[in-house]
Amino acid sequence: MDILNIPIDIIKRYKASKAEKELLAFAIGIKCLYSNSVLTDVTPYKVMKLFHVSHDKAKRLINGALNDSFLFSVKGGSFLANTFKSKEIKRSIGRTPFIYTSDYCYKLNKKEYSIRMLVHELNCIMLLCAVNSIDRDNFPQSNGKPKQKRCALTKDLTLRKLGNISGSSKSTAHRLMNEMFRNGVISKTRAHGEMVIHTVNANTVEEWRKRTGRKHFIYNPKDGSGWIVIPCSYSICDRGTTEKYKHVIYNHKKRVESSNLKVSKHPVYENPFDNPINAAYL
């Protein structure tokens, strides 16, 4: 099955609103349907039929594409979904340094998607990315020592944080996490309380805050103790899901050879429609 590499940074860029996610989903959907990433003879009816949306939403997607030069190049009645590949030049560190371009990507199976399905996928991709980052932090190196560089910004994945990560509401994040738990994609532990201060007084509170950096706790007036809530913890169960998150080096020798491509055969076109492959579909 063909795979589309979707950079996580692209999803972060378009996660602020449902309309932006749908526009990104429109570009992804075109790439999944057409190997040259070109949708020809664009009309609201065609977009409705291909992506299973209403007439009004089809018009909004078309207007959004016309005004987003980052995701789309438009000429006549044809829309080209631009490449997602990063153009940032990076330099490796080592004995044989080399220049490369890369992205941390999610590998999406190419097939026919509706816009709704793709928005759902984008939300799940970001949620699983956060869980995967924690899993990688917890995975020890071969010498038994933990990794020095952290992948996750936080270990406490509260519903609020999950919502912020995916660009969705807490209720949506909760529903999606429960859905993936039921489907066996992730495992989770229940949220629970933990006593952190046996006897609350000025000294114990100051000591606890210095030691943990936390400011808030829950006071139990019955026994004078202090508690915090440990949120649910998650882990990815399905190895195949973990393997979908990869750091892709676009000009890596093995990648280029496996595609039987040579950089010299593929000049960079300032206008994508100058490429004869795309121009043939105009």
C-alpha atoms as a PDB file:
ATOM      1  CA  MET A   1       0.000   0.000   0.000  1.00  0.00           C
ATOM      2  CA  ASP A   2       1.256   3.479  -0.896  1.00  0.00           C
ATOM      3  CA  ILE A   3       2.262   5.730   1.981  1.00  0.00           C
ATOM      4  CA  LEU A   4       2.006   9.507   2.373  1.00  0.00           C
ATOM      5  CA  ASN A   5       4.490  11.119   4.768  1.00  0.00           C
ATOM      6  CA  ILE A   6       2.723  13.891   6.703  1.00  0.00           C
ATOM      7  CA  PRO A   7       5.108  16.114   8.713  1.00  0.00           C
ATOM      8  CA  ILE A   8       3.914  16.619  12.280  1.00  0.00           C
ATOM      9  CA  ASP A   9       4.857  20.314  12.003  1.00  0.00           C
ATOM     10  CA  ILE A  10       2.321  20.728   9.174  1.00  0.00           C
ATOM     11  CA  ILE A  11      -0.446  19.359  11.383  1.00  0.00           C
ATOM     12  CA  LYS A  12       0.622  21.682  14.214  1.00  0.00           C
ATOM     13  CA  ARG A  13       0.443  24.604  11.809  1.00  0.00           C
ATOM     14  CA  TYR A  14      -3.160  23.820  10.827  1.00  0.00           C
ATOM     15  CA  LYS A  15      -4.600  22.575  14.126  1.00  0.00           C
ATOM     16  CA  ALA A  16      -5.899  25.926  15.437  1.00  0.00           C
ATOM     17  CA  SER A  17      -9.428  25.533  14.061  1.00  0.00           C
ATOM     18  CA  LYS A  18     -11.690  22.987  12.419  1.00  0.00           C
ATOM     19  CA  ALA A  19     -11.691  25.024   9.199  1.00  0.00           C
ATOM     20  CA  GLU A  20      -7.886  24.912   9.006  1.00  0.00           C
ATOM     21  CA  LYS A  21      -7.828  21.170   9.693  1.00  0.00           C
ATOM     22  CA  GLU A  22     -10.385  20.632   6.931  1.00  0.00           C
ATOM     23  CA  LEU A  23      -8.252  22.629   4.500  1.00  0.00           C
ATOM     24  CA  LEU A  24      -5.201  20.509   5.349  1.00  0.00           C
ATOM     25  CA  ALA A  25      -7.398  17.418   5.022  1.00  0.00           C
ATOM     26  CA  PHE A  26      -8.420  18.645   1.544  1.00  0.00           C
ATOM     27  CA  ALA A  27      -4.743  18.797   0.480  1.00  0.00           C
ATOM     28  CA  ILE A  28      -4.020  15.380   2.011  1.00  0.00           C
ATOM     29  CA  GLY A  29      -7.109  13.913   0.360  1.00  0.00           C
ATOM     30  CA  ILE A  30      -5.963  15.109  -3.077  1.00  0.00           C
ATOM     31  CA  LYS A  31      -2.520  13.576  -2.518  1.00  0.00           C
ATOM     32  CA  CYS A  32      -4.114  10.288  -1.491  1.00  0.00           C
ATOM     33  CA  LEU A  33      -6.288  10.148  -4.603  1.00  0.00           C
ATOM     34  CA  TYR A  34      -3.824  11.365  -7.241  1.00  0.00           C
ATOM     35  CA  SER A  35      -0.143  10.464  -7.531  1.00  0.00           C
ATOM     36  CA  ASN A  36       0.646  13.831  -9.125  1.00  0.00           C
ATOM     37  CA  SER A  37      -1.282  15.711  -6.377  1.00  0.00           C
ATOM     38  CA  VAL A  38      -3.414  17.547  -8.976  1.00  0.00           C
ATOM     39  CA  LEU A  39      -7.187  17.858  -8.838  1.00  0.00           C
ATOM     40  CA  THR A  40      -8.447  18.975 -12.259  1.00  0.00           C
ATOM     41  CA  ASP A  41     -11.703  20.637 -13.299  1.00  0.00           C
ATOM     42  CA  VAL A  42     -12.475  21.687  -9.734  1.00  0.00           C
ATOM     43  CA  THR A  43     -16.132  22.393  -9.017  1.00  0.00           C
ATOM     44  CA  PRO A  44     -18.158  22.254  -5.797  1.00  0.00           C
ATOM     45  CA  TYR A  45     -19.999  19.198  -7.125  1.00  0.00           C
ATOM     46  CA  LYS A  46     -16.724  17.338  -7.796  1.00  0.00           C
ATOM     47  CA  VAL A  47     -15.385  18.153  -4.327  1.00  0.00           C
ATOM     48  CA  MET A  48     -18.720  17.050  -2.802  1.00  0.00           C
ATOM     49  CA  LYS A  49     -18.541  13.726  -4.615  1.00  0.00           C
ATOM     50  CA  LEU A  50     -14.864  12.968  -3.912  1.00  0.00           C
ATOM     51  CA  PHE A  51     -14.710  14.017  -0.265  1.00  0.00           C
ATOM     52  CA  HIS A  52     -18.318  13.476   0.893  1.00  0.00           C
ATOM     53  CA  VAL A  53     -19.050  17.024   2.033  1.00  0.00           C
ATOM     54  CA  SER A  54     -22.007  19.368   1.681  1.00  0.00           C
ATOM     55  CA  HIS A  55     -22.222  21.968  -1.087  1.00  0.00           C
ATOM     56  CA  ASP A  56     -21.457  24.817   1.317  1.00  0.00           C
ATOM     57  CA  LYS A  57     -18.413  23.053   2.740  1.00  0.00           C
ATOM     58  CA  ALA A  58     -17.178  22.221  -0.758  1.00  0.00           C
ATOM     59  CA  LYS A  59     -17.307  25.921  -1.647  1.00  0.00           C
ATOM     60  CA  ARG A  60     -15.476  26.808   1.586  1.00  0.00           C
ATOM     61  CA  LEU A  61     -12.734  24.294   0.794  1.00  0.00           C
ATOM     62  CA  ILE A  62     -12.320  25.681  -2.722  1.00  0.00           C
ATOM     63  CA  ASN A  63     -12.188  29.281  -1.473  1.00  0.00           C
ATOM     64  CA  GLY A  64      -9.731  28.264   1.253  1.00  0.00           C
ATOM     65  CA  ALA A  65      -7.470  26.579  -1.291  1.00  0.00           C
ATOM     66  CA  LEU A  66      -7.560  29.677  -3.513  1.00  0.00           C
ATOM     67  CA  ASN A  67      -6.293  31.775  -0.581  1.00  0.00           C
ATOM     68  CA  ASP A  68      -3.674  29.390   0.824  1.00  0.00           C
ATOM     69  CA  SER A  69      -0.525  29.442  -1.285  1.00  0.00           C
ATOM     70  CA  PHE A  70       1.347  27.288   1.224  1.00  0.00           C
ATOM     71  CA  LEU A  71      -0.860  24.231   0.693  1.00  0.00           C
ATOM     72  CA  PHE A  72      -2.054  24.831  -2.862  1.00  0.00           C
ATOM     73  CA  SER A  73      -0.955  26.112  -6.244  1.00  0.00           C
ATOM     74  CA  VAL A  74      -3.873  27.031  -8.487  1.00  0.00           C
ATOM     75  CA  LYS A  75      -3.970  27.470 -12.234  1.00  0.00           C
ATOM     76  CA  GLY A  76      -7.167  27.652 -14.212  1.00  0.00           C
ATOM     77  CA  GLY A  77      -9.502  25.027 -12.864  1.00  0.00           C
ATOM     78  CA  SER A  78      -6.751  22.806 -11.433  1.00  0.00           C
ATOM     79  CA  PHE A  79      -5.524  22.643  -7.836  1.00  0.00           C
ATOM     80  CA  LEU A  80      -2.076  21.261  -7.028  1.00  0.00           C
ATOM     81  CA  ALA A  81      -1.542  20.170  -3.425  1.00  0.00           C
ATOM     82  CA  ASN A  82       1.972  21.419  -2.758  1.00  0.00           C
ATOM     83  CA  THR A  83       4.688  19.211  -1.309  1.00  0.00           C
ATOM     84  CA  PHE A  84       4.733  18.877   2.463  1.00  0.00           C
ATOM     85  CA  LYS A  85       8.503  18.410   2.552  1.00  0.00           C
ATOM     86  CA  SER A  86      10.540  20.846   4.630  1.00  0.00           C
ATOM     87  CA  LYS A  87      12.948  23.052   2.678  1.00  0.00           C
ATOM     88  CA  GLU A  88      15.085  23.817   5.717  1.00  0.00           C
ATOM     89  CA  ILE A  89      18.707  22.821   5.094  1.00  0.00           C
ATOM     90  CA  LYS A  90      20.245  20.874   7.969  1.00  0.00           C
ATOM     91  CA  ARG A  91      23.778  19.654   8.622  1.00  0.00           C
ATOM     92  CA  SER A  92      24.579  16.382  10.299  1.00  0.00           C
ATOM     93  CA  ILE A  93      27.147  16.045  13.079  1.00  0.00           C
ATOM     94  CA  GLY A  94      29.657  13.217  12.837  1.00  0.00           C
ATOM     95  CA  ARG A  95      32.707  11.887  11.067  1.00  0.00           C
ATOM     96  CA  THR A  96      31.131  12.265   7.638  1.00  0.00           C
ATOM     97  CA  PRO A  97      28.828  15.304   7.865  1.00  0.00           C
ATOM     98  CA  PHE A  98      26.329  15.882   5.098  1.00  0.00           C
ATOM     99  CA  ILE A  99      23.604  18.353   4.200  1.00  0.00           C
ATOM    100  CA  TYR A 100      20.039  17.107   4.274  1.00  0.00           C
ATOM    101  CA  THR A 101      16.356  18.026   4.524  1.00  0.00           C
ATOM    102  CA  SER A 102      14.032  16.105   6.810  1.00  0.00           C
ATOM    103  CA  ASP A 103      10.790  16.012   8.774  1.00  0.00           C
ATOM    104  CA  TYR A 104       9.384  14.013  11.654  1.00  0.00           C
ATOM    105  CA  CYS A 105       6.425  12.392   9.902  1.00  0.00           C
ATOM    106  CA  TYR A 106       3.380  10.209  10.296  1.00  0.00           C
ATOM    107  CA  LYS A 107       3.041   7.568   7.583  1.00  0.00           C
ATOM    108  CA  LEU A 108      -0.561   7.598   6.387  1.00  0.00           C
ATOM    109  CA  ASN A 109      -1.878   4.789   4.190  1.00  0.00           C
ATOM    110  CA  LYS A 110      -3.115   6.226   0.914  1.00  0.00           C
ATOM    111  CA  LYS A 111      -6.746   5.460   0.154  1.00  0.00           C
ATOM    112  CA  GLU A 112      -9.995   7.296  -0.452  1.00  0.00           C
ATOM    113  CA  TYR A 113     -10.910   9.451   2.564  1.00  0.00           C
ATOM    114  CA  SER A 114     -13.731  11.817   3.350  1.00  0.00           C
ATOM    115  CA  ILE A 115     -12.832  15.173   4.882  1.00  0.00           C
ATOM    116  CA  ARG A 116     -14.427  14.049   8.134  1.00  0.00           C
ATOM    117  CA  MET A 117     -12.302  10.884   8.226  1.00  0.00           C
ATOM    118  CA  LEU A 118      -9.119  12.861   7.618  1.00  0.00           C
ATOM    119  CA  VAL A 119      -9.884  15.411  10.347  1.00  0.00           C
ATOM    120  CA  HIS A 120     -10.444  12.470  12.695  1.00  0.00           C
ATOM    121  CA  GLU A 121      -7.080  11.014  11.572  1.00  0.00           C
ATOM    122  CA  LEU A 122      -5.296  14.335  12.154  1.00  0.00           C
ATOM    123  CA  ASN A 123      -6.645  14.566  15.709  1.00  0.00           C
ATOM    124  CA  CYS A 124      -5.611  10.982  16.482  1.00  0.00           C
ATOM    125  CA  ILE A 125      -2.178  11.481  14.908  1.00  0.00           C
ATOM    126  CA  MET A 126      -1.416  14.343  17.290  1.00  0.00           C
ATOM    127  CA  LEU A 127      -2.772  12.521  20.347  1.00  0.00           C
ATOM    128  CA  LEU A 128      -0.772   9.385  19.559  1.00  0.00           C
ATOM    129  CA  CYS A 129       2.306  11.487  18.834  1.00  0.00           C
ATOM    130  CA  ALA A 130       2.175  12.812  22.420  1.00  0.00           C
ATOM    131  CA  VAL A 131       1.796   9.285  23.822  1.00  0.00           C
ATOM    132  CA  ASN A 132       4.576   7.999  21.565  1.00  0.00           C
ATOM    133  CA  SER A 133       6.912  10.748  22.818  1.00  0.00           C
ATOM    134  CA  ILE A 134       6.409   9.610  26.415  1.00  0.00           C
ATOM    135  CA  ASP A 135       6.916   5.971  25.419  1.00  0.00           C
ATOM    136  CA  ARG A 136      10.236   6.880  23.794  1.00  0.00           C
ATOM    137  CA  ASP A 137      11.334   8.761  26.910  1.00  0.00           C
ATOM    138  CA  ASN A 138      10.530   5.729  29.041  1.00  0.00           C
ATOM    139  CA  PHE A 139      12.338   3.293  26.759  1.00  0.00           C
ATOM    140  CA  PRO A 140      15.888   2.670  28.097  1.00  0.00           C
ATOM    141  CA  GLN A 141      19.022   2.722  25.979  1.00  0.00           C
ATOM    142  CA  SER A 142      21.049  -0.441  25.408  1.00  0.00           C
ATOM    143  CA  ASN A 143      23.276   0.361  28.379  1.00  0.00           C
ATOM    144  CA  GLY A 144      20.225   0.467  30.659  1.00  0.00           C
ATOM    145  CA  LYS A 145      20.442   4.216  31.216  1.00  0.00           C
ATOM    146  CA  PRO A 146      17.541   6.510  30.309  1.00  0.00           C
ATOM    147  CA  LYS A 147      17.885   8.801  27.325  1.00  0.00           C
ATOM    148  CA  GLN A 148      19.284  12.210  28.116  1.00  0.00           C
ATOM    149  CA  LYS A 149      17.201  14.126  25.561  1.00  0.00           C
ATOM    150  CA  ARG A 150      13.480  14.126  26.309  1.00  0.00           C
ATOM    151  CA  CYS A 151      10.991  13.641  23.475  1.00  0.00           C
ATOM    152  CA  ALA A 152       7.938  14.709  25.490  1.00  0.00           C
ATOM    153  CA  LEU A 153       7.483  18.190  26.924  1.00  0.00           C
ATOM    154  CA  THR A 154       5.398  16.827  29.789  1.00  0.00           C
ATOM    155  CA  LYS A 155       4.655  13.470  31.387  1.00  0.00           C
ATOM    156  CA  ASP A 156       1.183  14.472  32.649  1.00  0.00           C
ATOM    157  CA  LEU A 157      -1.215  14.148  29.725  1.00  0.00           C
ATOM    158  CA  THR A 158      -4.312  15.746  31.181  1.00  0.00           C
ATOM    159  CA  LEU A 159      -7.365  16.153  28.967  1.00  0.00           C
ATOM    160  CA  ARG A 160      -6.659  19.879  28.745  1.00  0.00           C
ATOM    161  CA  LYS A 161      -3.136  19.223  27.501  1.00  0.00           C
ATOM    162  CA  LEU A 162      -4.339  16.556  25.088  1.00  0.00           C
ATOM    163  CA  GLY A 163      -6.900  19.017  23.742  1.00  0.00           C
ATOM    164  CA  ASN A 164      -4.210  21.668  23.249  1.00  0.00           C
ATOM    165  CA  ILE A 165      -1.914  19.167  21.546  1.00  0.00           C
ATOM    166  CA  SER A 166      -4.573  18.046  19.079  1.00  0.00           C
ATOM    167  CA  GLY A 167      -6.263  21.423  18.672  1.00  0.00           C
ATOM    168  CA  SER A 168      -9.581  20.062  19.934  1.00  0.00           C
ATOM    169  CA  SER A 169     -11.831  20.349  22.978  1.00  0.00           C
ATOM    170  CA  LYS A 170     -11.323  18.314  26.156  1.00  0.00           C
ATOM    171  CA  SER A 171     -14.465  16.328  25.409  1.00  0.00           C
ATOM    172  CA  THR A 172     -13.226  15.470  21.899  1.00  0.00           C
ATOM    173  CA  ALA A 173      -9.806  14.471  23.234  1.00  0.00           C
ATOM    174  CA  HIS A 174     -11.503  12.296  25.888  1.00  0.00           C
ATOM    175  CA  ARG A 175     -13.740  10.636  23.303  1.00  0.00           C
ATOM    176  CA  LEU A 176     -10.847   9.897  20.935  1.00  0.00           C
ATOM    177  CA  MET A 177      -8.591   8.503  23.674  1.00  0.00           C
ATOM    178  CA  ASN A 178     -11.407   6.231  24.875  1.00  0.00           C
ATOM    179  CA  GLU A 179     -12.064   5.150  21.295  1.00  0.00           C
ATOM    180  CA  MET A 180      -8.401   4.203  20.774  1.00  0.00           C
ATOM    181  CA  PHE A 181      -8.386   2.408  24.140  1.00  0.00           C
ATOM    182  CA  ARG A 182     -11.447   0.347  23.170  1.00  0.00           C
ATOM    183  CA  ASN A 183      -9.841  -0.489  19.821  1.00  0.00           C
ATOM    184  CA  GLY A 184      -6.677  -1.741  21.516  1.00  0.00           C
ATOM    185  CA  VAL A 185      -4.444   0.961  20.056  1.00  0.00           C
ATOM    186  CA  ILE A 186      -3.450   2.337  23.470  1.00  0.00           C
ATOM    187  CA  SER A 187      -3.520   1.197  27.082  1.00  0.00           C
ATOM    188  CA  LYS A 188      -4.308   3.513  29.966  1.00  0.00           C
ATOM    189  CA  THR A 189      -4.370   3.671  33.734  1.00  0.00           C
ATOM    190  CA  ARG A 190      -7.131   5.413  35.663  1.00  0.00           C
ATOM    191  CA  ALA A 191      -6.634   8.826  37.228  1.00  0.00           C
ATOM    192  CA  HIS A 192      -6.117   8.567  40.967  1.00  0.00           C
ATOM    193  CA  GLY A 193      -5.267  10.615  44.021  1.00  0.00           C
ATOM    194  CA  GLU A 194      -1.875  10.505  45.721  1.00  0.00           C
ATOM    195  CA  MET A 195      -0.977  11.822  49.187  1.00  0.00           C
ATOM    196  CA  VAL A 196       2.018  14.155  48.968  1.00  0.00           C
ATOM    197  CA  ILE A 197       1.889  15.885  52.369  1.00  0.00           C
ATOM    198  CA  HIS A 198       1.057  13.869  55.471  1.00  0.00           C
ATOM    199  CA  THR A 199       0.472  16.914  57.661  1.00  0.00           C
ATOM    200  CA  VAL A 200      -0.165  20.268  56.022  1.00  0.00           C
ATOM    201  CA  ASN A 201       1.594  23.218  57.673  1.00  0.00           C
ATOM    202  CA  ALA A 202       3.792  26.092  56.532  1.00  0.00           C
ATOM    203  CA  ASN A 203       7.007  24.052  56.722  1.00  0.00           C
ATOM    204  CA  THR A 204       5.758  20.916  54.957  1.00  0.00           C
ATOM    205  CA  VAL A 205       4.113  22.945  52.191  1.00  0.00           C
ATOM    206  CA  GLU A 206       7.269  24.992  51.576  1.00  0.00           C
ATOM    207  CA  GLU A 207       9.415  21.841  51.553  1.00  0.00           C
ATOM    208  CA  TRP A 208       7.071  20.083  49.124  1.00  0.00           C
ATOM    209  CA  ARG A 209       6.950  23.048  46.745  1.00  0.00           C
ATOM    210  CA  LYS A 210      10.740  23.398  46.719  1.00  0.00           C
ATOM    211  CA  ARG A 211      11.150  19.683  46.056  1.00  0.00           C
ATOM    212  CA  THR A 212       8.504  19.337  43.335  1.00  0.00           C
ATOM    213  CA  GLY A 213       7.984  22.836  41.939  1.00  0.00           C
ATOM    214  CA  ARG A 214       4.225  22.347  42.266  1.00  0.00           C
ATOM    215  CA  LYS A 215       2.051  25.134  43.698  1.00  0.00           C
ATOM    216  CA  HIS A 216      -1.344  23.533  44.168  1.00  0.00           C
ATOM    217  CA  PHE A 217      -2.623  20.547  46.091  1.00  0.00           C
ATOM    218  CA  ILE A 218      -5.929  19.349  47.536  1.00  0.00           C
ATOM    219  CA  TYR A 219      -6.316  19.738  51.305  1.00  0.00           C
ATOM    220  CA  ASN A 220      -8.146  16.991  53.186  1.00  0.00           C
ATOM    221  CA  PRO A 221      -9.654  18.605  56.316  1.00  0.00           C
ATOM    222  CA  LYS A 222     -10.442  15.214  57.890  1.00  0.00           C
ATOM    223  CA  ASP A 223      -6.820  14.274  58.552  1.00  0.00           C
ATOM    224  CA  GLY A 224      -4.922  17.448  57.546  1.00  0.00           C
ATOM    225  CA  SER A 225      -3.168  15.794  54.591  1.00  0.00           C
ATOM    226  CA  GLY A 226      -2.406  17.175  51.114  1.00  0.00           C
ATOM    227  CA  TRP A 227      -3.181  15.338  47.880  1.00  0.00           C
ATOM    228  CA  ILE A 228      -2.641  15.712  44.144  1.00  0.00           C
ATOM    229  CA  VAL A 229      -4.480  14.026  41.286  1.00  0.00           C
ATOM    230  CA  ILE A 230      -2.354  11.809  39.053  1.00  0.00           C
ATOM    231  CA  PRO A 231      -3.955  11.930  35.581  1.00  0.00           C
ATOM    232  CA  CYS A 232      -4.445   8.925  33.328  1.00  0.00           C
ATOM    233  CA  SER A 233      -1.251   7.570  31.820  1.00  0.00           C
ATOM    234  CA  TYR A 234      -1.194   6.135  28.329  1.00  0.00           C
ATOM    235  CA  SER A 235       0.992   3.851  26.255  1.00  0.00           C
ATOM    236  CA  ILE A 236       0.761   2.595  22.678  1.00  0.00           C
ATOM    237  CA  CYS A 237      -0.051  -1.120  22.497  1.00  0.00           C
ATOM    238  CA  ASP A 238       0.112  -1.585  18.746  1.00  0.00           C
ATOM    239  CA  ARG A 239       3.690  -1.779  17.468  1.00  0.00           C
ATOM    240  CA  GLY A 240       2.463  -0.977  13.971  1.00  0.00           C
ATOM    241  CA  THR A 241       1.161   2.384  15.198  1.00  0.00           C
ATOM    242  CA  THR A 242       4.534   3.279  16.727  1.00  0.00           C
ATOM    243  CA  GLU A 243       6.269   2.438  13.449  1.00  0.00           C
ATOM    244  CA  LYS A 244       4.140   5.009  11.630  1.00  0.00           C
ATOM    245  CA  TYR A 245       6.098   7.820  13.349  1.00  0.00           C
ATOM    246  CA  LYS A 246       9.453   8.222  11.632  1.00  0.00           C
ATOM    247  CA  HIS A 247      12.129  10.839  11.089  1.00  0.00           C
ATOM    248  CA  VAL A 248      12.303  10.960   7.280  1.00  0.00           C
ATOM    249  CA  ILE A 249      15.513  12.209   5.610  1.00  0.00           C
ATOM    250  CA  TYR A 250      14.372  13.031   2.095  1.00  0.00           C
ATOM    251  CA  ASN A 251      17.754  12.938   0.375  1.00  0.00           C
ATOM    252  CA  HIS A 252      19.110   9.928   2.282  1.00  0.00           C
ATOM    253  CA  LYS A 253      20.999   7.605  -0.079  1.00  0.00           C
ATOM    254  CA  LYS A 254      18.936   4.523   0.740  1.00  0.00           C
ATOM    255  CA  ARG A 255      15.672   6.440   0.336  1.00  0.00           C
ATOM    256  CA  VAL A 256      16.693   7.847  -3.052  1.00  0.00           C
ATOM    257  CA  GLU A 257      17.983   4.487  -4.299  1.00  0.00           C
ATOM    258  CA  SER A 258      14.855   2.641  -3.137  1.00  0.00           C
ATOM    259  CA  SER A 259      12.740   5.052  -5.182  1.00  0.00           C
ATOM    260  CA  ASN A 260      15.105   4.651  -8.150  1.00  0.00           C
ATOM    261  CA  LEU A 261      15.404   8.425  -8.380  1.00  0.00           C
ATOM    262  CA  LYS A 262      18.271  10.803  -8.954  1.00  0.00           C
ATOM    263  CA  VAL A 263      18.193  14.419  -7.825  1.00  0.00           C
ATOM    264  CA  SER A 264      19.664  15.596 -11.133  1.00  0.00           C
ATOM    265  CA  LYS A 265      16.653  14.211 -13.004  1.00  0.00           C
ATOM    266  CA  HIS A 266      14.198  16.269 -11.006  1.00  0.00           C
ATOM    267  CA  PRO A 267      14.802  19.994 -11.383  1.00  0.00           C
ATOM    268  CA  VAL A 268      13.035  22.356  -9.002  1.00  0.00           C
ATOM    269  CA  TYR A 269      10.290  24.364 -10.688  1.00  0.00           C
ATOM    270  CA  GLU A 270       9.566  27.838  -9.343  1.00  0.00           C
ATOM    271  CA  ASN A 271       5.987  27.412 -10.584  1.00  0.00           C
ATOM    272  CA  PRO A 272       4.820  23.810  -9.987  1.00  0.00           C
ATOM    273  CA  PHE A 273       2.664  23.932 -13.103  1.00  0.00           C
ATOM    274  CA  ASP A 274       5.810  24.452 -15.205  1.00  0.00           C
ATOM    275  CA  ASN A 275       6.590  20.821 -14.433  1.00  0.00           C
ATOM    276  CA  PRO A 276       5.499  18.932 -17.590  1.00  0.00           C
ATOM    277  CA  ILE A 277       4.118  16.103 -15.439  1.00  0.00           C
ATOM    278  CA  ASN A 278       1.619  18.477 -13.835  1.00  0.00           C
ATOM    279  CA  ALA A 279       1.095  20.579 -16.952  1.00  0.00           C
ATOM    280  CA  ALA A 280      -0.130  17.506 -18.778  1.00  0.00           C
ATOM    281  CA  TYR A 281      -3.232  17.521 -16.570  1.00  0.00           C
ATOM    282  CA  LEU A 282      -4.214  21.146 -17.234  1.00  0.00           C
END
